[in-house]
């Protein structure tokens, strides 16, 4: 039995409808995994493939997408199945026909993301660890958001950086920042909201109907400001999106400062993945936050 036969059989078992691959086309799927569109002439699915040792990454993405899907707030590709075959692992998702924003699409994105962020639970974190890009993301459940963010986000990235050869000022000043993170939350108590977790401009789009869709998540429950901060990091979302989100679920005044703290996590992560100018950017962000903390 070939790898593709295994995948087709798994799809049939999970959907309850027999599936035989008649068409298979390579499609753009990002820089980490290869991706395909498969069809039997009636049903069409999106498949990601990677090396066998990445099975945990796909399992976590499946779990995260399912959590977002169950919220019934914003469209995500429905996860179908995940598994391994031979020396590769796979993740099968609903295939979505992408299009362009229509009238009101960005407004609807703001409304639906606000609804997603109003899906909450008692603890921060998640039921499973996942990845942010190719770097592990730890989601051990916690009652205290500040401690969670301090150790499982900023602290983890600093430790990862030190283990992979970064040292000096960024590590020393990064740990100084960890010691004063509490000061950024005076008068503000975050709630454990369901987050996409990696919400930059490359991870959302619109269906041919104009309906918003988000994908490639790093899901967990955390302060909703962390999601909104990342929307501003790499190109930003539309002004209409931000207006509507704030109409539905206004942000706290302190967000204007905390967004730098939240985006530091992603810049440290990019430094750890790609190096280059991200280290300088991270150092400037840390210095700015230390100055703000006094």
Protein backbone atom coordinates (compact mmCIF):
# COMPACT_ATOMS: atom_id res chain seq x y z
CA UNK A 1 0.00 0.00 0.00
CA UNK A 2 1.45 3.40 -0.98
CA UNK A 3 1.60 6.48 1.22
CA UNK A 4 -1.20 8.07 -0.79
CA UNK A 5 -3.35 4.95 -0.45
CA UNK A 6 -2.86 5.15 3.33
CA UNK A 7 -3.94 8.79 3.33
CA UNK A 8 -7.00 8.08 1.15
CA UNK A 9 -8.07 5.22 3.41
CA UNK A 10 -7.65 7.38 6.53
CA UNK A 11 -9.77 10.15 4.94
CA UNK A 12 -12.50 7.64 4.12
CA UNK A 13 -12.47 6.22 7.64
CA UNK A 14 -12.75 9.68 9.21
CA UNK A 15 -15.37 11.13 6.86
CA UNK A 16 -17.47 7.98 6.47
CA UNK A 17 -17.27 8.29 2.67
CA UNK A 18 -14.93 6.19 0.55
CA UNK A 19 -12.19 8.26 -1.04
CA UNK A 20 -9.86 7.36 -3.91
CA UNK A 21 -7.30 9.89 -5.12
CA UNK A 22 -7.76 10.63 -8.82
CA UNK A 23 -6.02 14.01 -8.97
CA UNK A 24 -3.02 15.19 -6.97
CA UNK A 25 -1.43 18.62 -7.46
CA UNK A 26 1.42 20.28 -5.59
CA UNK A 27 0.41 23.65 -4.13
CA UNK A 28 2.07 26.41 -2.15
CA UNK A 29 2.06 25.42 1.52
CA UNK A 30 4.70 27.48 3.27
CA UNK A 31 8.38 26.92 3.97
CA UNK A 32 8.15 24.11 6.54
CA UNK A 33 6.02 21.43 4.83
CA UNK A 34 5.17 20.37 1.28
CA UNK A 35 1.49 20.66 0.36
CA UNK A 36 -0.93 19.05 -2.08
CA UNK A 37 -4.49 19.33 -3.32
CA UNK A 38 -6.08 15.91 -3.76
CA UNK A 39 -9.47 15.03 -5.24
CA UNK A 40 -11.63 12.07 -6.25
CA UNK A 41 -13.71 14.25 -8.55
CA UNK A 42 -16.31 14.99 -5.86
CA UNK A 43 -14.38 15.64 -2.66
CA UNK A 44 -11.23 17.77 -2.40
CA UNK A 45 -8.74 17.99 0.47
CA UNK A 46 -5.56 19.86 1.36
CA UNK A 47 -2.64 17.69 2.51
CA UNK A 48 0.58 18.70 4.27
CA UNK A 49 3.55 16.33 4.26
CA UNK A 50 6.74 16.34 6.30
CA UNK A 51 9.35 13.97 7.67
CA UNK A 52 8.22 11.28 10.10
CA UNK A 53 9.79 13.08 13.09
CA UNK A 54 7.44 16.06 12.57
CA UNK A 55 4.34 13.98 13.40
CA UNK A 56 3.99 15.75 16.75
CA UNK A 57 3.88 19.12 14.99
CA UNK A 58 1.00 17.96 12.79
CA UNK A 59 -0.82 16.41 15.74
CA UNK A 60 -0.60 19.74 17.58
CA UNK A 61 -1.82 21.69 14.53
CA UNK A 62 -4.74 19.26 14.15
CA UNK A 63 -5.64 19.74 17.82
CA UNK A 64 -5.34 23.54 17.59
CA UNK A 65 -7.43 23.80 14.42
CA UNK A 66 -10.07 21.59 16.00
CA UNK A 67 -10.24 23.88 19.05
CA UNK A 68 -10.68 26.93 16.79
CA UNK A 69 -13.22 25.08 14.62
CA UNK A 70 -15.32 24.10 17.65
CA UNK A 71 -15.63 27.75 18.70
CA UNK A 72 -17.95 28.40 15.71
CA UNK A 73 -16.73 31.99 15.54
CA UNK A 74 -14.44 32.29 12.50
CA UNK A 75 -13.75 30.01 9.56
CA UNK A 76 -10.73 27.75 9.80
CA UNK A 77 -9.95 24.75 7.59
CA UNK A 78 -11.65 21.79 9.26
CA UNK A 79 -9.06 19.17 10.26
CA UNK A 80 -9.83 15.73 8.82
CA UNK A 81 -7.04 13.41 9.99
CA UNK A 82 -3.35 13.18 10.74
CA UNK A 83 -0.96 10.25 10.82
CA UNK A 84 2.22 8.68 9.47
CA UNK A 85 2.99 6.49 6.48
CA UNK A 86 6.45 5.20 5.66
CA UNK A 87 9.04 7.87 6.46
CA UNK A 88 6.55 10.77 6.29
CA UNK A 89 3.74 12.23 8.35
CA UNK A 90 0.67 13.95 6.98
CA UNK A 91 -2.10 16.35 7.96
CA UNK A 92 -5.34 16.42 5.95
CA UNK A 93 -7.56 19.49 6.03
CA UNK A 94 -10.67 20.80 4.35
CA UNK A 95 -9.68 22.35 1.02
CA UNK A 96 -10.61 26.04 0.82
CA UNK A 97 -10.93 27.98 -2.42
CA UNK A 98 -9.28 31.30 -1.68
CA UNK A 99 -10.37 34.60 -3.22
CA UNK A 100 -10.29 38.29 -2.39
CA UNK A 101 -11.88 40.52 0.22
CA UNK A 102 -15.31 41.80 -0.67
CA UNK A 103 -17.28 44.70 0.71
CA UNK A 104 -17.34 44.31 4.49
CA UNK A 105 -14.87 41.38 4.58
CA UNK A 106 -12.34 43.16 6.80
CA UNK A 107 -15.12 44.39 9.07
CA UNK A 108 -16.38 40.82 9.41
CA UNK A 109 -12.84 39.64 10.22
CA UNK A 110 -12.75 42.11 13.12
CA UNK A 111 -16.15 40.95 14.38
CA UNK A 112 -15.29 37.28 14.15
CA UNK A 113 -11.88 37.58 15.78
CA UNK A 114 -13.50 39.50 18.64
CA UNK A 115 -15.98 36.61 19.00
CA UNK A 116 -13.11 34.08 18.99
CA UNK A 117 -11.38 36.02 21.77
CA UNK A 118 -14.56 35.89 23.84
CA UNK A 119 -14.22 32.11 23.89
CA UNK A 120 -12.51 31.60 27.24
CA UNK A 121 -11.59 29.04 29.85
CA UNK A 122 -10.22 29.08 33.41
CA UNK A 123 -6.51 28.45 32.72
CA UNK A 124 -3.89 29.86 30.38
CA UNK A 125 -1.99 27.50 28.09
CA UNK A 126 -3.35 24.51 26.20
CA UNK A 127 -3.82 20.75 26.36
CA UNK A 128 -0.82 20.12 24.12
CA UNK A 129 2.50 21.78 23.30
CA UNK A 130 2.87 22.98 19.71
CA UNK A 131 5.29 25.00 17.61
CA UNK A 132 5.72 28.63 16.65
CA UNK A 133 7.29 28.37 13.22
CA UNK A 134 9.77 25.54 13.74
CA UNK A 135 10.52 26.32 17.41
CA UNK A 136 8.71 24.47 20.24
CA UNK A 137 5.96 26.41 22.03
CA UNK A 138 5.28 25.25 25.58
CA UNK A 139 1.67 25.50 26.79
CA UNK A 140 1.70 24.04 30.31
CA UNK A 141 -1.60 25.13 31.93
CA UNK A 142 -1.24 27.98 34.43
CA UNK A 143 -3.51 30.16 36.54
CA UNK A 144 -1.26 33.24 36.40
CA UNK A 145 -0.86 34.88 32.99
CA UNK A 146 2.15 37.00 33.95
CA UNK A 147 4.08 33.95 35.16
CA UNK A 148 2.97 31.99 32.09
CA UNK A 149 4.11 34.70 29.69
CA UNK A 150 7.32 35.38 31.62
CA UNK A 151 8.53 31.77 31.66
CA UNK A 152 6.79 29.95 28.81
CA UNK A 153 7.12 32.72 26.24
CA UNK A 154 9.92 35.27 26.84
CA UNK A 155 12.00 33.10 29.16
CA UNK A 156 11.74 30.05 26.90
CA UNK A 157 12.94 32.05 23.87
CA UNK A 158 15.85 33.54 25.83
CA UNK A 159 16.91 30.08 27.05
CA UNK A 160 16.58 28.70 23.53
CA UNK A 161 18.71 31.57 22.22
CA UNK A 162 21.41 30.94 24.82
CA UNK A 163 21.50 27.21 24.03
CA UNK A 164 21.91 27.94 20.32
CA UNK A 165 24.82 30.36 20.66
CA UNK A 166 23.34 33.77 21.44
CA UNK A 167 24.82 35.49 24.46
CA UNK A 168 25.82 38.82 25.91
CA UNK A 169 23.58 41.86 26.16
CA UNK A 170 20.38 40.34 24.80
CA UNK A 171 20.38 37.55 27.38
CA UNK A 172 21.36 39.76 30.32
CA UNK A 173 18.90 42.54 29.50
CA UNK A 174 16.22 40.01 28.56
CA UNK A 175 16.40 38.53 32.05
CA UNK A 176 16.29 42.02 33.55
CA UNK A 177 13.07 42.55 31.62
CA UNK A 178 11.62 39.30 32.95
CA UNK A 179 12.15 40.62 36.49
CA UNK A 180 9.93 43.64 35.83
CA UNK A 181 7.25 42.25 33.50
CA UNK A 182 4.67 42.61 36.30
CA UNK A 183 4.89 46.41 35.97
CA UNK A 184 3.21 46.30 32.54
CA UNK A 185 0.02 44.82 34.00
CA UNK A 186 -0.86 47.38 36.65
CA UNK A 187 -4.65 47.73 36.67
CA UNK A 188 -5.11 45.11 33.95
CA UNK A 189 -6.08 41.47 34.50
CA UNK A 190 -5.94 39.33 31.32
CA UNK A 191 -8.51 36.61 30.67
CA UNK A 192 -7.64 33.22 29.12
CA UNK A 193 -9.02 33.78 25.59
CA UNK A 194 -8.80 31.32 22.72
CA UNK A 195 -6.00 32.60 20.46
CA UNK A 196 -4.79 31.81 16.96
CA UNK A 197 -1.28 32.33 18.34
CA UNK A 198 0.56 33.20 15.10
CA UNK A 199 -1.76 35.79 13.58
CA UNK A 200 0.34 37.71 11.08
CA UNK A 201 -0.85 38.89 7.67
CA UNK A 202 0.25 35.64 5.97
CA UNK A 203 -2.08 33.52 8.10
CA UNK A 204 -5.44 34.98 7.16
CA UNK A 205 -7.31 35.45 3.92
CA UNK A 206 -10.73 35.38 2.33
CA UNK A 207 -12.71 32.69 0.56
CA UNK A 208 -14.15 33.26 -2.91
CA UNK A 209 -17.34 34.33 -1.08
CA UNK A 210 -15.38 37.04 0.77
CA UNK A 211 -15.72 35.13 4.06
CA UNK A 212 -12.67 35.59 6.36
CA UNK A 213 -10.55 32.55 7.16
CA UNK A 214 -7.54 32.04 9.45
CA UNK A 215 -5.08 29.13 9.24
CA UNK A 216 -1.64 27.79 10.30
CA UNK A 217 -2.27 28.47 14.00
CA UNK A 218 -0.15 28.06 17.12
CA UNK A 219 -3.24 27.80 19.30
CA UNK A 220 -3.41 28.35 23.05
CA UNK A 221 -5.44 30.28 25.63
CA UNK A 222 -3.88 33.60 26.58
CA UNK A 223 -4.30 37.37 26.70
CA UNK A 224 -6.13 38.40 23.52
CA UNK A 225 -3.77 41.37 23.21
CA UNK A 226 -1.06 38.91 22.16
CA UNK A 227 -3.04 38.05 19.00
CA UNK A 228 -3.84 41.68 18.21
CA UNK A 229 -0.22 42.74 18.77
CA UNK A 230 1.01 40.24 16.19
CA UNK A 231 -1.49 41.54 13.61
CA UNK A 232 0.53 44.79 13.75
CA UNK A 233 3.96 43.16 13.46
CA UNK A 234 4.47 42.15 9.83
CA UNK A 235 2.51 44.53 7.64
CA UNK A 236 -0.59 44.86 9.79
CA UNK A 237 -4.26 44.35 9.03
CA UNK A 238 -6.67 46.94 7.62
CA UNK A 239 -7.87 50.02 9.50
CA UNK A 240 -11.44 48.69 9.06
CA UNK A 241 -10.47 45.50 10.88
CA UNK A 242 -9.06 47.37 13.90
CA UNK A 243 -12.05 49.74 14.08
CA UNK A 244 -14.54 46.88 14.08
CA UNK A 245 -12.59 44.75 16.55
CA UNK A 246 -12.52 47.67 19.01
CA UNK A 247 -16.21 48.36 18.43
CA UNK A 248 -16.98 44.76 19.39
CA UNK A 249 -14.37 44.21 22.11
CA UNK A 250 -12.48 47.41 23.08
CA UNK A 251 -8.81 47.06 23.97
CA UNK A 252 -7.43 48.31 27.28
CA UNK A 253 -5.47 51.58 27.17
CA UNK A 254 -2.29 49.80 28.29
CA UNK A 255 -2.24 47.71 25.11
CA UNK A 256 -0.23 50.43 23.38
CA UNK A 257 2.76 49.58 25.58
CA UNK A 258 2.12 45.86 26.09
CA UNK A 259 2.02 45.17 22.35
CA UNK A 260 5.81 45.64 22.25
CA UNK A 261 6.16 43.10 25.07
CA UNK A 262 3.97 40.62 23.20
CA UNK A 263 5.72 41.10 19.88
CA UNK A 264 9.11 40.65 21.54
CA UNK A 265 8.22 36.95 21.80
CA UNK A 266 7.82 36.68 18.02
CA UNK A 267 10.96 38.69 17.25
CA UNK A 268 13.00 36.53 19.62
CA UNK A 269 11.50 33.50 17.88
CA UNK A 270 12.49 34.87 14.46
CA UNK A 271 15.97 35.57 15.82
CA UNK A 272 16.18 31.95 16.93
CA UNK A 273 14.99 30.67 13.55
CA UNK A 274 16.68 33.10 11.16
CA UNK A 275 19.24 35.22 13.04
CA UNK A 276 20.22 38.32 11.08
CA UNK A 277 18.67 41.66 11.95
CA UNK A 278 16.10 40.13 14.27
CA UNK A 279 18.63 40.17 17.12
CA UNK A 280 19.13 43.93 16.76
CA UNK A 281 15.37 44.45 16.62
CA UNK A 282 14.88 42.32 19.74
CA UNK A 283 17.57 44.29 21.60
CA UNK A 284 15.89 47.60 20.72
CA UNK A 285 12.52 46.27 21.90
CA UNK A 286 13.99 45.08 25.21
CA UNK A 287 15.70 48.44 25.78
CA UNK A 288 12.45 50.28 25.02
CA UNK A 289 10.50 48.09 27.46
CA UNK A 290 13.14 48.49 30.20
CA UNK A 291 12.99 52.26 29.77
CA UNK A 292 9.18 52.13 30.01
CA UNK A 293 9.36 50.01 33.16
CA UNK A 294 11.71 52.58 34.71
